[in-house]
Amino acid sequence: MRVIAFKEKSQVLAAHYGWSLPSAKGYVDGETYRKRAKAPPVRILVGIDDYSEGFRAGYFDRPLTAHEFADGGLQGFDRCELQDSDRA
């Protein structure tokens, strides 16, 4: 990949991997925090929005490509059934 300006990196990642722009921005910010050995903000560690999930992926060096983001996580939940092992 060619050298990219910092502000453009999130746009390139979003386009290349199909991530949302907030997820890509969070990923770039998390990667920057990790490389500078800075502690992440607490609100980012507990947040469930796309930016926070992207930040944690970049900070903890996890891939985002196979990750399901917060906005689509419960779409099929109402149609699923409990397994026998899930029932109390």
C-alpha atoms as a PDB file:
ATOM      1  CA  MET A   1       0.000   0.000   0.000  1.00  0.00           C
ATOM      2  CA  ARG A   2       1.333   3.447  -0.858  1.00  0.00           C
ATOM      3  CA  VAL A   3       2.155   6.056   1.777  1.00  0.00           C
ATOM      4  CA  ILE A   4      -1.072   7.713   2.911  1.00  0.00           C
ATOM      5  CA  ALA A   5      -1.706  10.922   4.834  1.00  0.00           C
ATOM      6  CA  PHE A   6      -3.082  10.271   8.319  1.00  0.00           C
ATOM      7  CA  LYS A   7      -6.537  11.749   7.587  1.00  0.00           C
ATOM      8  CA  GLU A   8      -6.854   9.726   4.390  1.00  0.00           C
ATOM      9  CA  LYS A   9      -5.906   6.397   5.964  1.00  0.00           C
ATOM     10  CA  SER A  10      -9.339   5.820   7.494  1.00  0.00           C
ATOM     11  CA  GLN A  11     -11.041   6.567   4.159  1.00  0.00           C
ATOM     12  CA  VAL A  12      -8.741   4.147   2.329  1.00  0.00           C
ATOM     13  CA  LEU A  13      -9.307   1.405   4.918  1.00  0.00           C
ATOM     14  CA  ALA A  14     -13.081   1.921   4.813  1.00  0.00           C
ATOM     15  CA  ALA A  15     -13.131   1.674   1.021  1.00  0.00           C
ATOM     16  CA  HIS A  16     -10.705  -1.242   0.806  1.00  0.00           C
ATOM     17  CA  TYR A  17     -12.245  -3.461   3.502  1.00  0.00           C
ATOM     18  CA  GLY A  18     -15.859  -2.268   3.346  1.00  0.00           C
ATOM     19  CA  TRP A  19     -15.822  -0.882   6.907  1.00  0.00           C
ATOM     20  CA  SER A  20     -17.960   2.030   7.992  1.00  0.00           C
ATOM     21  CA  LEU A  21     -16.082   5.334   8.203  1.00  0.00           C
ATOM     22  CA  PRO A  22     -16.472   5.599  12.021  1.00  0.00           C
ATOM     23  CA  SER A  23     -15.044   2.072  12.397  1.00  0.00           C
ATOM     24  CA  ALA A  24     -12.079   2.906  10.179  1.00  0.00           C
ATOM     25  CA  LYS A  25     -11.432   6.184  12.024  1.00  0.00           C
ATOM     26  CA  GLY A  26     -11.546   4.348  15.339  1.00  0.00           C
ATOM     27  CA  TYR A  27      -9.169   1.696  14.002  1.00  0.00           C
ATOM     28  CA  VAL A  28      -6.634   4.329  12.919  1.00  0.00           C
ATOM     29  CA  ASP A  29      -6.899   6.149  16.254  1.00  0.00           C
ATOM     30  CA  GLY A  30      -6.523   2.899  18.208  1.00  0.00           C
ATOM     31  CA  GLU A  31      -3.500   1.918  16.153  1.00  0.00           C
ATOM     32  CA  THR A  32      -1.949   5.334  16.879  1.00  0.00           C
ATOM     33  CA  TYR A  33      -2.577   4.985  20.622  1.00  0.00           C
ATOM     34  CA  ARG A  34      -0.990   1.497  20.587  1.00  0.00           C
ATOM     35  CA  LYS A  35       2.098   2.648  18.688  1.00  0.00           C
ATOM     36  CA  ARG A  36       2.566   5.579  21.081  1.00  0.00           C
ATOM     37  CA  ALA A  37       1.983   3.318  24.124  1.00  0.00           C
ATOM     38  CA  LYS A  38      -0.828   5.572  25.347  1.00  0.00           C
ATOM     39  CA  ALA A  39      -3.637   4.250  27.526  1.00  0.00           C
ATOM     40  CA  PRO A  40      -7.009   4.330  25.747  1.00  0.00           C
ATOM     41  CA  PRO A  41      -9.852   6.462  27.140  1.00  0.00           C
ATOM     42  CA  VAL A  42     -12.232   4.489  29.390  1.00  0.00           C
ATOM     43  CA  ARG A  43     -15.287   5.508  27.333  1.00  0.00           C
ATOM     44  CA  ILE A  44     -13.728   3.790  24.303  1.00  0.00           C
ATOM     45  CA  LEU A  45     -13.137   0.551  26.204  1.00  0.00           C
ATOM     46  CA  VAL A  46     -16.804   0.231  27.168  1.00  0.00           C
ATOM     47  CA  GLY A  47     -18.450   1.818  24.114  1.00  0.00           C
ATOM     48  CA  ILE A  48     -20.475  -0.338  21.724  1.00  0.00           C
ATOM     49  CA  ASP A  49     -20.626   2.057  18.773  1.00  0.00           C
ATOM     50  CA  ASP A  50     -18.682   1.451  15.543  1.00  0.00           C
ATOM     51  CA  TYR A  51     -15.947   3.970  16.419  1.00  0.00           C
ATOM     52  CA  SER A  52     -15.258   2.308  19.788  1.00  0.00           C
ATOM     53  CA  GLU A  53     -15.213  -1.176  18.256  1.00  0.00           C
ATOM     54  CA  GLY A  54     -12.825   0.018  15.548  1.00  0.00           C
ATOM     55  CA  PHE A  55     -10.627   1.728  18.141  1.00  0.00           C
ATOM     56  CA  ARG A  56     -10.334  -1.453  20.202  1.00  0.00           C
ATOM     57  CA  ALA A  57      -9.512  -3.484  17.105  1.00  0.00           C
ATOM     58  CA  GLY A  58      -6.694  -1.086  16.227  1.00  0.00           C
ATOM     59  CA  TYR A  59      -5.469  -0.751  19.798  1.00  0.00           C
ATOM     60  CA  PHE A  60      -5.447  -4.480  20.578  1.00  0.00           C
ATOM     61  CA  ASP A  61      -4.283  -5.350  17.027  1.00  0.00           C
ATOM     62  CA  ARG A  62      -7.395  -7.359  16.118  1.00  0.00           C
ATOM     63  CA  PRO A  63      -8.817  -7.685  12.615  1.00  0.00           C
ATOM     64  CA  LEU A  64     -12.095  -5.960  11.760  1.00  0.00           C
ATOM     65  CA  THR A  65     -12.859  -7.764   8.506  1.00  0.00           C
ATOM     66  CA  ALA A  66     -14.732 -10.698  10.056  1.00  0.00           C
ATOM     67  CA  HIS A  67     -16.243  -8.609  12.832  1.00  0.00           C
ATOM     68  CA  GLU A  68     -19.945  -7.820  13.044  1.00  0.00           C
ATOM     69  CA  PHE A  69     -20.480  -4.210  14.058  1.00  0.00           C
ATOM     70  CA  ALA A  70     -22.839  -2.938  16.742  1.00  0.00           C
ATOM     71  CA  ASP A  71     -25.501  -1.611  14.368  1.00  0.00           C
ATOM     72  CA  GLY A  72     -26.264  -5.024  12.868  1.00  0.00           C
ATOM     73  CA  GLY A  73     -25.721  -7.332  15.802  1.00  0.00           C
ATOM     74  CA  LEU A  74     -29.292  -8.157  16.804  1.00  0.00           C
ATOM     75  CA  GLN A  75     -31.082  -8.227  13.457  1.00  0.00           C
ATOM     76  CA  GLY A  76     -31.872 -11.947  13.498  1.00  0.00           C
ATOM     77  CA  PHE A  77     -32.179 -12.346  17.253  1.00  0.00           C
ATOM     78  CA  ASP A  78     -35.975 -12.417  17.406  1.00  0.00           C
ATOM     79  CA  ARG A  79     -36.131 -15.337  14.962  1.00  0.00           C
ATOM     80  CA  CYS A  80     -33.640 -17.609  16.724  1.00  0.00           C
ATOM     81  CA  GLU A  81     -34.668 -20.339  19.116  1.00  0.00           C
ATOM     82  CA  LEU A  82     -33.025 -21.360  22.346  1.00  0.00           C
ATOM     83  CA  GLN A  83     -31.141 -24.603  22.367  1.00  0.00           C
ATOM     84  CA  ASP A  84     -31.839 -27.142  25.095  1.00  0.00           C
ATOM     85  CA  SER A  85     -28.556 -26.218  26.791  1.00  0.00           C
ATOM     86  CA  ASP A  86     -29.664 -22.530  26.944  1.00  0.00           C
ATOM     87  CA  ARG A  87     -32.867 -23.216  28.853  1.00  0.00           C
ATOM     88  CA  ALA A  88     -32.816 -23.017  32.625  1.00  0.00           C
END
